[in-house]
Amino acid sequence: MPFPRASGILLHPTSLPGRFGVGDLGPEAYRFVDFLASTRQRLWQVLPLGPTGHGNSPYLCYSAMAGNPLLISLEELCEHSLLYPDELHELEHFSPHQVDFDQVFPIKMRLLERAATRFNDVASEEDRAALAQFSEECHFWVDEFAFFMALKNAHGGAGWTEWPSDIARREPEAMAEWREKLASDIFCHKFLQFEFHRQWQALRQYARDRQIQIIGDIPIYVAHDSVDVWAYPENFMLDEETLAPAQMAGVPPDYFSETGQLWGNPTYNWEALQKSGFNWWIQRINALLGYVDIIRVDHFRGLQAYWSVPAGETTAINGEWVEAPGTELFEAVRQTFGKLPVMAEDLGMITPEVEALRDEFEFPGMKILHFAFGGDSDNPYLPFNYVENSVVYTGTHDNDTTVGWFEKMPDHERERLQQYLGCISPEGIHWSLIRLALLSVSNQAIIPLQDVLGYGSDCRMNTPGLSDGNWGWRYEAKVLTDEVSDRLRSLTELSNRAAASME
């Protein structure tokens, strides 16, 4: 569906400032929303909000529907007497610039488990009723997720295919035995989802009250080591004997990679999903719409046709394109939810069939300015080639920052960029590209916060293909100065993207 003209900022909540080693849903999240409101933004785009696994990637979560406990505000837990301020000091010595996941996670989880234990002792009847209501409303995913995480902890963090066969294959006797044995741990994980949901909904309402919508990602694939695959193996292409992926997701060789990209996620058993009326996908979208207002479908082209690589391959070379029932899926979703607030991440190897699927449902596609200045005048990422029903970015979470990108540009692309701009803003190349994005005809413009701040490559969020050092960037609260706010607000108003003033 086409969206009204607006602009916003791309920032994952882990990147927020704060005292406790990782951004969270506490006071700084509300201050960031105030910054959005003061600069007349209407949109806040986040990455997937799920509980991350190995590598800390929000695109490889233990659940497609749960929230990440790392984002829970410890200060909020203190407000509810579930923690005490003097218990938080162990987390206060970490860097304000980067998340040290390996150090922060175990300390914070111990505190969260302590809060879950105290809930039984200090919770009011109102809080207990709220937890019961949450459990009922989210029963489709929260019961299995809490059980999955308790089982994972009981097996030393091992992937579910390494568990004893009876529980890996969900045999009824084993399921009943483990549920009884792990009852307290299961409750802990369910409580943490309740608390995440409570805090997130309060923040979301605060944003809504300020006319700000939240855009959230739905990665097309899920991690093999996830509750989604363990609990619903019939939805995925798995080897019946080993339970490993029988067909793996990826993308074929291209200009950037001679061997393509082999992601390793199991591909979907689309035949089984279609027979169920796409029930799992509909439940997934329903869960995400409980967190966000607009959905960005990552790797959208895989819902028209996807690159499938047989088990045992070590590269993506020997895969094949397989058609997916994207039209049928979105038709089923539309019948359930009505007109869909969906954006399509239509980057990469896009065919006329992919564009037809996107346009059939009026999903805006993405335009990336970092891709605009190689090639000729027919480059689809040049602003004069945009259509209104699109979303323009300076760069995404997978790109370098604009300052870093400009410093590394080939000379011929830099010359073409300078020719296009006429001159570079005295405030820096980042403001030149922000101006270009905001003044384009695209209905929506999204700017990574790193570009608003003019940061270099050391502040990029993710470098694809790099296994370590990603996803950890944070900013300090003091950098959102009046000067930055005034400049962003002025350009937002100039480009007719401003939300109505709250004053």
Protein backbone atom coordinates (compact mmCIF):
# COMPACT_ATOMS: atom_id res chain seq x y z
CA MET A 1 0.00 0.00 0.00
CA PRO A 2 1.32 3.51 -0.77
CA PHE A 3 2.24 5.53 2.30
CA PRO A 4 2.01 9.28 2.93
CA ARG A 5 5.10 11.39 2.43
CA ALA A 6 7.26 11.08 5.55
CA SER A 7 10.77 10.53 6.83
CA GLY A 8 12.43 8.75 9.71
CA ILE A 9 15.54 7.28 11.28
CA LEU A 10 16.99 3.77 11.17
CA LEU A 11 18.28 2.75 14.60
CA HIS A 12 18.13 -0.60 16.35
CA PRO A 13 17.33 -0.37 20.09
CA THR A 14 20.61 -2.08 21.07
CA SER A 15 22.34 1.05 19.70
CA LEU A 16 20.61 3.37 22.17
CA PRO A 17 22.67 4.98 24.95
CA GLY A 18 22.39 3.84 28.53
CA ARG A 19 24.29 2.79 31.63
CA PHE A 20 24.12 -0.99 31.34
CA GLY A 21 26.23 -2.12 28.41
CA VAL A 22 23.51 -2.39 25.75
CA GLY A 23 20.72 -0.14 24.55
CA ASP A 24 17.36 -0.97 26.07
CA LEU A 25 13.74 0.17 26.41
CA GLY A 26 14.44 2.48 29.32
CA PRO A 27 14.73 6.28 29.57
CA GLU A 28 17.05 6.76 26.57
CA ALA A 29 14.56 5.06 24.27
CA TYR A 30 11.98 7.67 25.23
CA ARG A 31 14.54 10.45 24.73
CA PHE A 32 15.21 9.11 21.24
CA VAL A 33 11.50 9.23 20.46
CA ASP A 34 11.52 12.83 21.72
CA PHE A 35 14.38 13.53 19.29
CA LEU A 36 12.30 12.07 16.45
CA ALA A 37 9.33 14.19 17.43
CA SER A 38 11.39 17.37 17.80
CA THR A 39 12.88 16.90 14.31
CA ARG A 40 9.38 16.25 12.86
CA GLN A 41 10.08 12.62 11.90
CA ARG A 42 7.20 10.19 11.48
CA LEU A 43 9.09 6.88 11.29
CA TRP A 44 11.45 4.83 13.42
CA GLN A 45 12.88 1.78 11.68
CA VAL A 46 14.32 -1.04 13.79
CA LEU A 47 15.94 -4.37 12.91
CA PRO A 48 14.31 -7.67 13.95
CA LEU A 49 13.52 -7.59 17.66
CA GLY A 50 13.98 -11.31 18.40
CA PRO A 51 16.37 -13.08 20.81
CA THR A 52 19.68 -13.40 18.99
CA GLY A 53 21.84 -16.50 18.84
CA HIS A 54 25.44 -17.09 17.75
CA GLY A 55 27.00 -13.97 16.23
CA ASN A 56 24.34 -11.70 17.79
CA SER A 57 22.67 -11.14 14.43
CA PRO A 58 19.03 -10.01 14.70
CA TYR A 59 18.54 -11.91 11.44
CA LEU A 60 19.32 -15.24 13.13
CA CYS A 61 17.03 -15.44 16.13
CA TYR A 62 15.85 -18.28 18.33
CA SER A 63 12.28 -17.24 17.50
CA ALA A 64 10.56 -15.35 14.72
CA MET A 65 7.93 -14.09 17.18
CA ALA A 66 9.61 -13.52 20.57
CA GLY A 67 11.34 -10.38 21.83
CA ASN A 68 14.98 -10.03 22.86
CA PRO A 69 15.33 -10.05 26.68
CA LEU A 70 18.55 -8.02 26.32
CA LEU A 71 16.35 -5.03 25.49
CA ILE A 72 14.46 -5.17 28.79
CA SER A 73 15.12 -2.07 30.87
CA LEU A 74 16.63 -2.90 34.25
CA GLU A 75 15.55 0.49 35.55
CA GLU A 76 11.94 -0.43 34.76
CA LEU A 77 12.38 -3.65 36.74
CA CYS A 78 13.63 -1.57 39.68
CA GLU A 79 10.46 0.54 39.39
CA HIS A 80 8.46 -2.66 39.96
CA SER A 81 10.70 -3.79 42.87
CA LEU A 82 11.88 -6.79 40.86
CA LEU A 83 15.48 -5.58 41.06
CA TYR A 84 17.30 -3.13 43.35
CA PRO A 85 19.55 -0.32 42.08
CA ASP A 86 22.62 -1.60 43.95
CA GLU A 87 22.35 -4.88 41.99
CA LEU A 88 23.01 -3.15 38.68
CA HIS A 89 26.54 -1.86 39.26
CA GLU A 90 28.25 -4.81 37.59
CA LEU A 91 26.92 -3.63 34.22
CA GLU A 92 27.98 0.01 34.55
CA HIS A 93 31.65 -0.32 33.55
CA PHE A 94 31.10 -1.29 29.90
CA SER A 95 31.89 0.92 26.89
CA PRO A 96 29.20 3.43 25.91
CA HIS A 97 30.26 3.08 22.25
CA GLN A 98 30.06 -0.66 21.61
CA VAL A 99 28.08 -3.61 22.96
CA ASP A 100 30.29 -6.38 24.32
CA PHE A 101 27.66 -9.08 23.89
CA ASP A 102 29.81 -11.88 25.31
CA GLN A 103 30.32 -9.98 28.56
CA VAL A 104 26.99 -8.18 28.88
CA PHE A 105 24.67 -11.08 28.07
CA PRO A 106 25.48 -13.46 30.96
CA ILE A 107 25.45 -10.67 33.57
CA LYS A 108 22.18 -9.21 32.36
CA MET A 109 20.54 -12.62 32.07
CA ARG A 110 21.41 -13.40 35.70
CA LEU A 111 19.69 -10.18 36.74
CA LEU A 112 16.66 -10.92 34.57
CA GLU A 113 16.37 -14.42 36.04
CA ARG A 114 16.50 -12.88 39.51
CA ALA A 115 13.67 -10.53 38.57
CA ALA A 116 11.60 -13.45 37.28
CA THR A 117 12.07 -15.29 40.57
CA ARG A 118 11.02 -12.21 42.57
CA PHE A 119 7.91 -11.72 40.46
CA ASN A 120 6.25 -14.64 42.22
CA ASP A 121 6.87 -12.98 45.59
CA VAL A 122 6.12 -9.30 44.95
CA ALA A 123 3.80 -9.11 41.93
CA SER A 124 0.43 -7.48 42.44
CA GLU A 125 -2.80 -9.17 41.42
CA GLU A 126 -2.96 -6.72 38.53
CA ASP A 127 0.50 -7.81 37.30
CA ARG A 128 -0.39 -11.49 37.64
CA ALA A 129 -3.57 -10.94 35.66
CA ALA A 130 -1.60 -9.08 32.98
CA LEU A 131 0.84 -12.00 32.69
CA ALA A 132 -2.04 -14.46 32.40
CA GLN A 133 -3.67 -12.34 29.69
CA PHE A 134 -0.36 -12.08 27.78
CA SER A 135 0.12 -15.85 28.00
CA GLU A 136 -3.36 -16.44 26.61
CA GLU A 137 -3.08 -13.91 23.79
CA CYS A 138 0.37 -15.13 22.72
CA HIS A 139 -0.08 -18.84 23.41
CA PHE A 140 0.62 -19.73 19.76
CA TRP A 141 4.30 -18.96 20.21
CA VAL A 142 5.19 -18.09 23.81
CA ASP A 143 4.64 -21.55 25.36
CA GLU A 144 6.82 -23.31 22.81
CA PHE A 145 9.45 -20.57 22.92
CA ALA A 146 9.78 -20.66 26.71
CA PHE A 147 10.03 -24.45 26.60
CA PHE A 148 12.61 -24.33 23.79
CA MET A 149 14.84 -21.87 25.65
CA ALA A 150 14.59 -23.89 28.87
CA LEU A 151 15.59 -27.02 26.96
CA LYS A 152 18.47 -25.20 25.30
CA ASN A 153 19.75 -24.05 28.71
CA ALA A 154 19.37 -27.57 30.11
CA HIS A 155 21.51 -28.91 27.27
CA GLY A 156 24.31 -26.38 27.67
CA GLY A 157 23.20 -24.16 24.81
CA ALA A 158 23.45 -26.95 22.22
CA GLY A 159 21.39 -26.76 19.06
CA TRP A 160 18.17 -28.75 19.19
CA THR A 161 19.39 -31.42 16.77
CA GLU A 162 22.09 -32.27 19.33
CA TRP A 163 19.55 -32.96 22.08
CA PRO A 164 18.48 -36.54 22.86
CA SER A 165 16.46 -37.88 19.96
CA ASP A 166 13.21 -38.22 21.91
CA ILE A 167 13.02 -34.54 22.80
CA ALA A 168 14.54 -33.34 19.51
CA ARG A 169 11.71 -35.22 17.77
CA ARG A 170 9.14 -34.02 20.32
CA GLU A 171 7.97 -37.44 21.48
CA PRO A 172 5.01 -36.97 23.87
CA GLU A 173 6.51 -38.75 26.88
CA ALA A 174 9.76 -36.82 26.63
CA MET A 175 7.87 -33.52 26.19
CA ALA A 176 5.79 -34.13 29.32
CA GLU A 177 8.81 -35.22 31.37
CA TRP A 178 10.91 -32.20 30.40
CA ARG A 179 8.06 -29.73 30.89
CA GLU A 180 7.68 -30.90 34.46
CA LYS A 181 11.43 -30.93 35.10
CA LEU A 182 11.98 -27.43 33.67
CA ALA A 183 8.82 -25.74 34.97
CA SER A 184 10.61 -22.93 36.82
CA ASP A 185 12.94 -22.15 33.90
CA ILE A 186 9.99 -22.20 31.49
CA PHE A 187 8.19 -19.69 33.70
CA CYS A 188 11.30 -17.47 33.70
CA HIS A 189 11.41 -17.27 29.91
CA LYS A 190 7.67 -16.66 29.70
CA PHE A 191 7.94 -13.86 32.27
CA LEU A 192 10.78 -12.24 30.32
CA GLN A 193 8.63 -12.23 27.18
CA PHE A 194 5.80 -10.67 29.16
CA GLU A 195 8.13 -7.99 30.50
CA PHE A 196 9.60 -7.27 27.07
CA HIS A 197 6.09 -6.99 25.66
CA ARG A 198 4.96 -4.68 28.48
CA GLN A 199 7.93 -2.35 28.08
CA TRP A 200 7.81 -2.36 24.28
CA GLN A 201 4.09 -1.59 24.18
CA ALA A 202 4.56 1.35 26.53
CA LEU A 203 7.32 2.73 24.30
CA ARG A 204 5.31 2.09 21.16
CA GLN A 205 2.34 3.97 22.61
CA TYR A 206 4.64 6.86 23.55
CA ALA A 207 5.77 6.98 19.91
CA ARG A 208 2.21 6.76 18.61
CA ASP A 209 1.16 9.64 20.82
CA ARG A 210 3.84 11.65 19.00
CA GLN A 211 2.66 10.56 15.53
CA ILE A 212 5.61 8.23 15.03
CA GLN A 213 5.16 4.80 13.46
CA ILE A 214 7.62 1.95 13.94
CA ILE A 215 8.91 -0.05 10.96
CA GLY A 216 10.08 -3.57 11.79
CA ASP A 217 11.87 -6.22 9.77
CA ILE A 218 10.56 -9.68 8.99
CA PRO A 219 13.52 -11.78 7.78
CA ILE A 220 12.27 -14.15 5.09
CA TYR A 221 14.10 -17.14 6.63
CA VAL A 222 14.46 -18.32 10.20
CA ALA A 223 17.47 -19.86 11.90
CA HIS A 224 17.65 -23.66 11.85
CA ASP A 225 18.41 -23.57 15.59
CA SER A 226 15.11 -21.94 16.47
CA VAL A 227 11.86 -22.83 18.10
CA ASP A 228 10.16 -22.28 14.74
CA VAL A 229 11.96 -25.21 13.12
CA TRP A 230 11.96 -27.44 16.23
CA ALA A 231 8.25 -26.93 16.93
CA TYR A 232 7.05 -26.91 13.30
CA PRO A 233 9.49 -29.11 11.33
CA GLU A 234 6.81 -29.88 8.76
CA ASN A 235 7.09 -26.29 7.51
CA PHE A 236 10.74 -26.65 6.49
CA MET A 237 12.85 -28.77 4.14
CA LEU A 238 14.62 -31.04 6.65
CA ASP A 239 16.42 -34.35 6.34
CA GLU A 240 14.20 -36.94 8.03
CA GLU A 241 17.15 -38.80 9.58
CA THR A 242 19.44 -36.00 10.75
CA LEU A 243 16.84 -33.18 11.03
CA ALA A 244 19.45 -30.92 9.37
CA PRO A 245 18.40 -28.72 6.43
CA ALA A 246 17.83 -30.80 3.31
CA GLN A 247 17.70 -27.62 1.21
CA MET A 248 19.55 -24.47 2.24
CA ALA A 249 18.82 -20.84 1.45
CA GLY A 250 21.22 -18.43 -0.22
CA VAL A 251 21.78 -16.42 -3.36
CA PRO A 252 23.57 -17.49 -6.56
CA PRO A 253 26.97 -16.34 -7.81
CA ASP A 254 26.97 -12.77 -9.08
CA TYR A 255 29.22 -9.81 -9.80
CA PHE A 256 30.11 -9.51 -6.11
CA SER A 257 30.76 -13.19 -5.34
CA GLU A 258 31.93 -15.99 -7.62
CA THR A 259 30.47 -18.61 -5.27
CA GLY A 260 27.29 -16.79 -4.22
CA GLN A 261 26.13 -16.69 -0.63
CA LEU A 262 25.22 -19.85 1.29
CA TRP A 263 23.19 -18.80 4.34
CA GLY A 264 22.47 -22.27 5.66
CA ASN A 265 18.88 -21.59 6.77
CA PRO A 266 16.42 -24.32 5.83
CA THR A 267 14.14 -23.36 2.97
CA TYR A 268 10.38 -23.61 3.43
CA ASN A 269 8.21 -26.57 2.59
CA TRP A 270 5.85 -24.33 0.69
CA GLU A 271 3.55 -27.21 -0.26
CA ALA A 272 2.88 -28.00 3.42
CA LEU A 273 2.51 -24.31 4.30
CA GLN A 274 0.03 -23.75 1.52
CA LYS A 275 -2.05 -26.77 2.59
CA SER A 276 -2.31 -25.24 6.09
CA GLY A 277 -3.56 -21.97 4.67
CA PHE A 278 -0.15 -20.42 5.48
CA ASN A 279 -1.14 -20.58 9.13
CA TRP A 280 2.40 -20.25 10.50
CA TRP A 281 3.13 -17.20 8.31
CA ILE A 282 -0.15 -15.57 9.29
CA GLN A 283 0.61 -16.14 12.97
CA ARG A 284 4.09 -14.74 12.43
CA ILE A 285 2.79 -11.58 10.79
CA ASN A 286 0.15 -11.22 13.47
CA ALA A 287 2.84 -11.42 16.16
CA LEU A 288 4.98 -8.81 14.39
CA LEU A 289 2.04 -6.44 13.97
CA GLY A 290 1.76 -6.60 17.74
CA TYR A 291 5.19 -4.92 17.86
CA VAL A 292 5.32 -2.61 14.83
CA ASP A 293 3.12 -0.54 12.55
CA ILE A 294 4.82 -1.23 9.20
CA ILE A 295 6.61 -4.42 8.11
CA ARG A 296 9.72 -4.44 5.93
CA VAL A 297 9.98 -7.86 4.25
CA ASP A 298 13.67 -8.75 4.05
CA HIS A 299 14.80 -10.59 0.87
CA PHE A 300 11.37 -10.06 -0.67
CA ARG A 301 12.43 -11.67 -3.95
CA GLY A 302 12.57 -15.06 -2.20
CA LEU A 303 8.78 -15.00 -1.91
CA GLN A 304 8.54 -15.11 -5.71
CA ALA A 305 11.44 -17.51 -6.35
CA TYR A 306 14.27 -18.56 -4.05
CA TRP A 307 17.74 -20.02 -4.52
CA SER A 308 17.76 -23.54 -3.07
CA VAL A 309 21.06 -25.35 -2.39
CA PRO A 310 21.15 -29.10 -1.57
CA ALA A 311 22.52 -30.30 1.77
CA GLY A 312 26.24 -31.02 1.75
CA GLU A 313 27.22 -28.14 -0.50
CA THR A 314 29.80 -25.72 0.85
CA THR A 315 29.04 -22.89 -1.58
CA ALA A 316 25.89 -21.62 -3.28
CA ILE A 317 27.09 -22.50 -6.79
CA ASN A 318 25.07 -25.69 -7.23
CA GLY A 319 21.68 -24.32 -6.34
CA GLU A 320 18.59 -23.72 -8.42
CA TRP A 321 15.74 -21.25 -8.58
CA VAL A 322 12.49 -22.60 -7.18
CA GLU A 323 9.19 -20.74 -7.46
CA ALA A 324 7.44 -19.72 -4.24
CA PRO A 325 3.69 -19.08 -3.87
CA GLY A 326 4.13 -15.42 -3.01
CA THR A 327 0.84 -14.31 -4.59
CA GLU A 328 -1.10 -16.97 -2.72
CA LEU A 329 0.69 -16.12 0.54
CA PHE A 330 -0.02 -12.40 0.37
CA GLU A 331 -3.60 -13.03 -0.75
CA ALA A 332 -4.15 -15.21 2.34
CA VAL A 333 -2.53 -12.56 4.52
CA ARG A 334 -4.65 -9.82 2.95
CA GLN A 335 -7.82 -11.80 3.59
CA THR A 336 -6.82 -11.99 7.26
CA PHE A 337 -5.53 -8.47 7.89
CA GLY A 338 -6.92 -6.35 5.06
CA LYS A 339 -4.62 -3.97 3.21
CA LEU A 340 -1.07 -4.66 4.30
CA PRO A 341 1.36 -2.06 5.72
CA VAL A 342 4.33 -3.73 3.98
CA MET A 343 7.56 -2.47 2.44
CA ALA A 344 9.53 -4.77 0.12
CA GLU A 345 13.31 -5.12 0.39
CA ASP A 346 13.67 -5.65 -3.36
CA LEU A 347 17.45 -5.38 -3.63
CA GLY A 348 19.70 -7.80 -5.49
CA MET A 349 18.78 -9.98 -8.47
CA ILE A 350 15.31 -8.64 -9.22
CA THR A 351 13.29 -10.01 -12.13
CA PRO A 352 10.11 -8.73 -13.80
CA GLU A 353 8.23 -11.46 -11.89
CA VAL A 354 9.48 -10.10 -8.54
CA GLU A 355 8.49 -6.58 -9.54
CA ALA A 356 5.06 -7.85 -10.60
CA LEU A 357 4.52 -9.49 -7.19
CA ARG A 358 5.60 -6.29 -5.42
CA ASP A 359 3.36 -4.11 -7.58
CA GLU A 360 0.35 -6.46 -7.44
CA PHE A 361 0.05 -5.68 -3.73
CA GLU A 362 1.29 -2.06 -4.05
CA PHE A 363 4.30 -2.64 -1.80
CA PRO A 364 6.88 0.18 -2.00
CA GLY A 365 10.35 -1.00 -2.97
CA MET A 366 13.70 0.31 -1.73
CA LYS A 367 16.06 2.84 -3.31
CA ILE A 368 19.63 3.10 -1.98
CA LEU A 369 21.65 6.23 -2.78
CA HIS A 370 24.95 4.43 -2.16
CA PHE A 371 24.13 2.33 -5.25
CA ALA A 372 23.24 5.29 -7.47
CA PHE A 373 26.51 6.54 -8.88
CA GLY A 374 27.96 3.55 -10.67
CA GLY A 375 26.65 2.88 -14.16
CA ASP A 376 24.65 5.07 -16.50
CA SER A 377 21.70 7.42 -16.27
CA ASP A 378 19.27 4.49 -16.28
CA ASN A 379 20.59 3.36 -12.88
CA PRO A 380 17.34 2.72 -10.92
CA TYR A 381 18.87 4.17 -7.73
CA LEU A 382 19.35 7.66 -9.20
CA PRO A 383 16.64 9.89 -7.75
CA PHE A 384 15.21 11.03 -11.09
CA ASN A 385 14.33 7.37 -11.78
CA TYR A 386 12.28 6.90 -8.60
CA VAL A 387 8.54 6.42 -8.37
CA GLU A 388 6.54 7.91 -5.52
CA ASN A 389 5.61 4.53 -4.06
CA SER A 390 9.14 3.77 -2.87
CA VAL A 391 11.38 4.16 0.18
CA VAL A 392 14.72 5.92 -0.23
CA TYR A 393 17.71 5.34 2.05
CA THR A 394 21.13 6.89 2.06
CA GLY A 395 22.31 3.39 3.06
CA THR A 396 20.98 0.44 5.04
CA HIS A 397 22.27 -1.45 8.09
CA ASP A 398 24.36 -3.57 5.69
CA ASN A 399 26.02 -0.56 4.05
CA ASP A 400 28.97 1.47 5.22
CA THR A 401 28.11 4.85 6.68
CA THR A 402 27.84 7.61 4.09
CA VAL A 403 31.10 9.22 5.27
CA GLY A 404 32.89 5.86 5.10
CA TRP A 405 31.33 5.10 1.71
CA PHE A 406 32.44 8.44 0.29
CA GLU A 407 35.99 7.99 1.52
CA LYS A 408 36.26 4.60 -0.22
CA MET A 409 34.47 5.48 -3.49
CA PRO A 410 36.23 4.78 -6.77
CA ASP A 411 37.34 8.02 -8.39
CA HIS A 412 34.93 7.74 -11.32
CA GLU A 413 31.94 7.28 -8.98
CA ARG A 414 33.04 10.18 -6.79
CA GLU A 415 33.30 12.41 -9.87
CA ARG A 416 29.84 11.31 -10.99
CA LEU A 417 28.42 12.01 -7.52
CA GLN A 418 29.98 15.47 -7.43
CA GLN A 419 28.67 16.18 -10.92
CA TYR A 420 25.19 15.14 -9.82
CA LEU A 421 25.25 17.20 -6.63
CA GLY A 422 26.89 20.27 -8.16
CA CYS A 423 28.64 20.86 -4.85
CA ILE A 424 29.04 19.06 -1.55
CA SER A 425 27.38 20.61 1.49
CA PRO A 426 29.82 22.50 3.74
CA GLU A 427 28.36 20.43 6.59
CA GLY A 428 29.67 17.25 4.91
CA ILE A 429 28.79 14.61 2.33
CA HIS A 430 26.34 12.99 4.73
CA TRP A 431 24.12 16.06 4.72
CA SER A 432 24.33 16.21 0.92
CA LEU A 433 22.93 12.68 0.68
CA ILE A 434 20.35 13.29 3.39
CA ARG A 435 19.15 16.33 1.44
CA LEU A 436 19.05 14.26 -1.76
CA ALA A 437 16.98 11.55 -0.07
CA LEU A 438 14.55 13.90 1.65
CA LEU A 439 13.95 16.02 -1.47
CA SER A 440 13.35 12.99 -3.71
CA VAL A 441 9.86 12.00 -4.87
CA SER A 442 9.90 8.78 -2.79
CA ASN A 443 7.01 8.79 -0.33
CA GLN A 444 9.27 7.65 2.48
CA ALA A 445 12.88 8.52 3.30
CA ILE A 446 14.85 6.66 5.99
CA ILE A 447 18.24 7.83 7.24
CA PRO A 448 20.54 5.74 9.48
CA LEU A 449 21.37 7.72 12.61
CA GLN A 450 25.08 7.30 11.85
CA ASP A 451 24.56 9.44 8.74
CA VAL A 452 22.71 12.15 10.65
CA LEU A 453 25.72 12.26 12.99
CA GLY A 454 28.32 12.15 10.19
CA TYR A 455 30.11 9.08 11.54
CA GLY A 456 32.70 7.02 9.66
CA SER A 457 33.18 3.33 8.92
CA ASP A 458 34.03 2.45 12.51
CA CYS A 459 30.36 3.09 13.34
CA ARG A 460 28.71 0.92 10.70
CA MET A 461 26.19 -1.58 12.03
CA ASN A 462 27.02 -4.63 9.93
CA THR A 463 29.61 -5.79 7.42
CA PRO A 464 28.09 -8.73 5.51
CA GLY A 465 30.38 -11.74 5.44
CA LEU A 466 32.25 -10.64 8.56
CA SER A 467 31.53 -13.08 11.38
CA ASP A 468 32.74 -10.94 14.31
CA GLY A 469 32.35 -7.34 15.38
CA ASN A 470 28.91 -6.62 13.95
CA TRP A 471 25.67 -5.29 15.46
CA GLY A 472 27.32 -3.63 18.46
CA TRP A 473 27.50 0.08 17.59
CA ARG A 474 26.03 2.57 20.09
CA TYR A 475 25.83 6.34 20.26
CA GLU A 476 26.12 8.62 23.29
CA ALA A 477 23.13 10.76 24.26
CA LYS A 478 25.14 13.99 24.14
CA VAL A 479 25.65 13.75 20.34
CA LEU A 480 21.99 14.57 19.59
CA THR A 481 22.72 18.27 19.81
CA ASP A 482 20.47 21.23 19.08
CA GLU A 483 22.54 21.89 15.94
CA VAL A 484 21.90 18.37 14.59
CA SER A 485 18.22 18.57 15.50
CA ASP A 486 17.72 21.98 13.91
CA ARG A 487 19.39 20.93 10.64
CA LEU A 488 17.38 17.71 10.35
CA ARG A 489 14.13 19.46 11.23
CA SER A 490 14.77 22.21 8.68
CA LEU A 491 15.38 19.74 5.84
CA THR A 492 12.39 17.65 6.89
CA GLU A 493 10.12 20.69 6.74
CA LEU A 494 11.65 21.87 3.45
CA SER A 495 10.95 18.49 1.84
CA ASN A 496 7.31 18.42 3.01
CA ARG A 497 7.82 15.33 5.15
CA ALA A 498 7.21 16.86 8.58
CA ALA A 499 4.83 15.48 11.14
CA ALA A 500 2.52 18.03 12.68
CA SER A 501 4.06 19.86 15.59
CA MET A 502 3.15 18.56 19.07
CA GLU A 503 3.54 22.02 20.56
